[in-house]
Amino acid sequence: MLMSVHHPHPEHREALIESMHRYGDALRGKPGLVSVHTLADAGSDRLVGLAIFESEEAFQRLAPEARAAVADDPFDVWERVPIEGLRLSEV
């Protein structure tokens, strides 16, 4: 699983959501993806991207395509703090 926690500046929230949707759209329907979600935290301004892959191999194969879809997005302008990226596995 890949989880990305975003802290957008209020004026860039919608642009960031659109970016997160482009990231997800680059993955949807591809073999190896279980699901992909763009989520908003009800208690804060945080946005969370969650992508669940069938395997590490699927993640390694698909992640570059998704990253390419948002490669030119100005995250350093949109975000209040650096993106917190987590690569999670069940234990």
C-alpha atoms as a PDB file:
ATOM      1  CA  MET A   1       0.000   0.000   0.000  1.00  0.00           C
ATOM      2  CA  LEU A   2       1.115   3.495  -0.711  1.00  0.00           C
ATOM      3  CA  MET A   3      -0.261   6.339   1.396  1.00  0.00           C
ATOM      4  CA  SER A   4       0.527   9.989   0.777  1.00  0.00           C
ATOM      5  CA  VAL A   5      -0.523  12.634   3.284  1.00  0.00           C
ATOM      6  CA  HIS A   6      -0.874  16.145   1.879  1.00  0.00           C
ATOM      7  CA  HIS A   7      -1.261  19.486   3.678  1.00  0.00           C
ATOM      8  CA  PRO A   8      -2.422  21.900   0.975  1.00  0.00           C
ATOM      9  CA  HIS A   9      -2.531  25.657   1.163  1.00  0.00           C
ATOM     10  CA  PRO A  10      -6.268  26.492   1.134  1.00  0.00           C
ATOM     11  CA  GLU A  11      -6.039  28.302  -2.200  1.00  0.00           C
ATOM     12  CA  HIS A  12      -4.435  25.238  -3.845  1.00  0.00           C
ATOM     13  CA  ARG A  13      -6.667  22.543  -2.347  1.00  0.00           C
ATOM     14  CA  GLU A  14      -8.721  21.978  -5.519  1.00  0.00           C
ATOM     15  CA  ALA A  15      -5.633  21.871  -7.757  1.00  0.00           C
ATOM     16  CA  LEU A  16      -4.094  19.296  -5.454  1.00  0.00           C
ATOM     17  CA  ILE A  17      -7.266  17.190  -5.493  1.00  0.00           C
ATOM     18  CA  GLU A  18      -7.260  17.298  -9.299  1.00  0.00           C
ATOM     19  CA  SER A  19      -3.621  16.180  -9.270  1.00  0.00           C
ATOM     20  CA  MET A  20      -4.433  13.306  -6.942  1.00  0.00           C
ATOM     21  CA  HIS A  21      -7.247  12.260  -9.277  1.00  0.00           C
ATOM     22  CA  ARG A  22      -4.848  12.298 -12.269  1.00  0.00           C
ATOM     23  CA  TYR A  23      -2.466  10.102 -10.282  1.00  0.00           C
ATOM     24  CA  GLY A  24      -5.273   7.647  -9.565  1.00  0.00           C
ATOM     25  CA  ASP A  25      -6.574   7.740 -13.133  1.00  0.00           C
ATOM     26  CA  ALA A  26      -3.117   6.723 -14.370  1.00  0.00           C
ATOM     27  CA  LEU A  27      -3.431   3.542 -12.271  1.00  0.00           C
ATOM     28  CA  ARG A  28      -7.105   2.604 -12.625  1.00  0.00           C
ATOM     29  CA  GLY A  29      -7.804  -0.498 -14.649  1.00  0.00           C
ATOM     30  CA  LYS A  30      -4.174  -1.620 -14.696  1.00  0.00           C
ATOM     31  CA  PRO A  31      -3.368  -5.205 -13.752  1.00  0.00           C
ATOM     32  CA  GLY A  32      -1.853  -5.274 -10.280  1.00  0.00           C
ATOM     33  CA  LEU A  33      -3.878  -2.424  -8.793  1.00  0.00           C
ATOM     34  CA  VAL A  34      -6.432  -3.384  -6.151  1.00  0.00           C
ATOM     35  CA  SER A  35      -7.817   0.117  -5.539  1.00  0.00           C
ATOM     36  CA  VAL A  36      -6.874   3.777  -5.433  1.00  0.00           C
ATOM     37  CA  HIS A  37      -8.530   6.538  -3.400  1.00  0.00           C
ATOM     38  CA  THR A  38      -8.372  10.292  -2.841  1.00  0.00           C
ATOM     39  CA  LEU A  39      -9.558  11.012   0.692  1.00  0.00           C
ATOM     40  CA  ALA A  40     -10.138  14.091   2.855  1.00  0.00           C
ATOM     41  CA  ASP A  41      -9.647  13.983   6.619  1.00  0.00           C
ATOM     42  CA  ALA A  42     -12.820  15.169   8.357  1.00  0.00           C
ATOM     43  CA  GLY A  43     -10.870  16.691  11.247  1.00  0.00           C
ATOM     44  CA  SER A  44      -8.239  18.709   9.386  1.00  0.00           C
ATOM     45  CA  ASP A  45      -7.206  20.128   6.024  1.00  0.00           C
ATOM     46  CA  ARG A  46      -5.251  16.972   5.170  1.00  0.00           C
ATOM     47  CA  LEU A  47      -5.790  15.063   1.955  1.00  0.00           C
ATOM     48  CA  VAL A  48      -4.736  11.431   1.760  1.00  0.00           C
ATOM     49  CA  GLY A  49      -3.956   9.368  -1.304  1.00  0.00           C
ATOM     50  CA  LEU A  50      -4.190   5.603  -0.838  1.00  0.00           C
ATOM     51  CA  ALA A  51      -3.193   3.070  -3.478  1.00  0.00           C
ATOM     52  CA  ILE A  52      -3.364  -0.656  -2.804  1.00  0.00           C
ATOM     53  CA  PHE A  53      -1.399  -2.988  -5.039  1.00  0.00           C
ATOM     54  CA  GLU A  54      -1.509  -6.765  -5.396  1.00  0.00           C
ATOM     55  CA  SER A  55       2.230  -7.032  -4.802  1.00  0.00           C
ATOM     56  CA  GLU A  56       5.495  -5.149  -4.485  1.00  0.00           C
ATOM     57  CA  GLU A  57       6.199  -6.039  -8.119  1.00  0.00           C
ATOM     58  CA  ALA A  58       2.919  -4.426  -9.186  1.00  0.00           C
ATOM     59  CA  PHE A  59       3.800  -1.301  -7.203  1.00  0.00           C
ATOM     60  CA  GLN A  60       7.261  -1.120  -8.809  1.00  0.00           C
ATOM     61  CA  ARG A  61       5.745  -1.513 -12.279  1.00  0.00           C
ATOM     62  CA  LEU A  62       2.831   0.908 -11.881  1.00  0.00           C
ATOM     63  CA  ALA A  63       4.188   3.673  -9.642  1.00  0.00           C
ATOM     64  CA  PRO A  64       6.336   5.299 -12.379  1.00  0.00           C
ATOM     65  CA  GLU A  65       3.259   5.670 -14.623  1.00  0.00           C
ATOM     66  CA  ALA A  66       1.309   7.371 -11.854  1.00  0.00           C
ATOM     67  CA  ARG A  67       4.209   9.648 -10.934  1.00  0.00           C
ATOM     68  CA  ALA A  68       4.604  10.649 -14.585  1.00  0.00           C
ATOM     69  CA  ALA A  69       0.989  11.833 -14.636  1.00  0.00           C
ATOM     70  CA  VAL A  70       1.784  14.462 -11.985  1.00  0.00           C
ATOM     71  CA  ALA A  71       5.474  15.069 -12.670  1.00  0.00           C
ATOM     72  CA  ASP A  72       4.999  18.715 -13.621  1.00  0.00           C
ATOM     73  CA  ASP A  73       2.674  19.623 -10.756  1.00  0.00           C
ATOM     74  CA  PRO A  74       4.092  22.312  -8.415  1.00  0.00           C
ATOM     75  CA  PHE A  75       3.735  20.450  -5.109  1.00  0.00           C
ATOM     76  CA  ASP A  76       6.285  22.775  -3.501  1.00  0.00           C
ATOM     77  CA  VAL A  77       3.831  25.643  -4.126  1.00  0.00           C
ATOM     78  CA  TRP A  78       0.634  23.760  -3.305  1.00  0.00           C
ATOM     79  CA  GLU A  79       1.777  22.110  -0.061  1.00  0.00           C
ATOM     80  CA  ARG A  80       2.357  23.784   3.327  1.00  0.00           C
ATOM     81  CA  VAL A  81       4.807  21.029   4.328  1.00  0.00           C
ATOM     82  CA  PRO A  82       6.525  18.229   2.404  1.00  0.00           C
ATOM     83  CA  ILE A  83       4.338  15.288   1.387  1.00  0.00           C
ATOM     84  CA  GLU A  84       4.446  12.463   3.885  1.00  0.00           C
ATOM     85  CA  GLY A  85       4.779   9.279   1.833  1.00  0.00           C
ATOM     86  CA  LEU A  86       4.290   5.897   3.485  1.00  0.00           C
ATOM     87  CA  ARG A  87       4.875   2.494   1.907  1.00  0.00           C
ATOM     88  CA  LEU A  88       2.808   0.205   4.079  1.00  0.00           C
ATOM     89  CA  SER A  89       2.614  -3.559   4.377  1.00  0.00           C
ATOM     90  CA  GLU A  90       0.416  -5.670   6.562  1.00  0.00           C
ATOM     91  CA  VAL A  91       2.110  -7.278   9.572  1.00  0.00           C
END
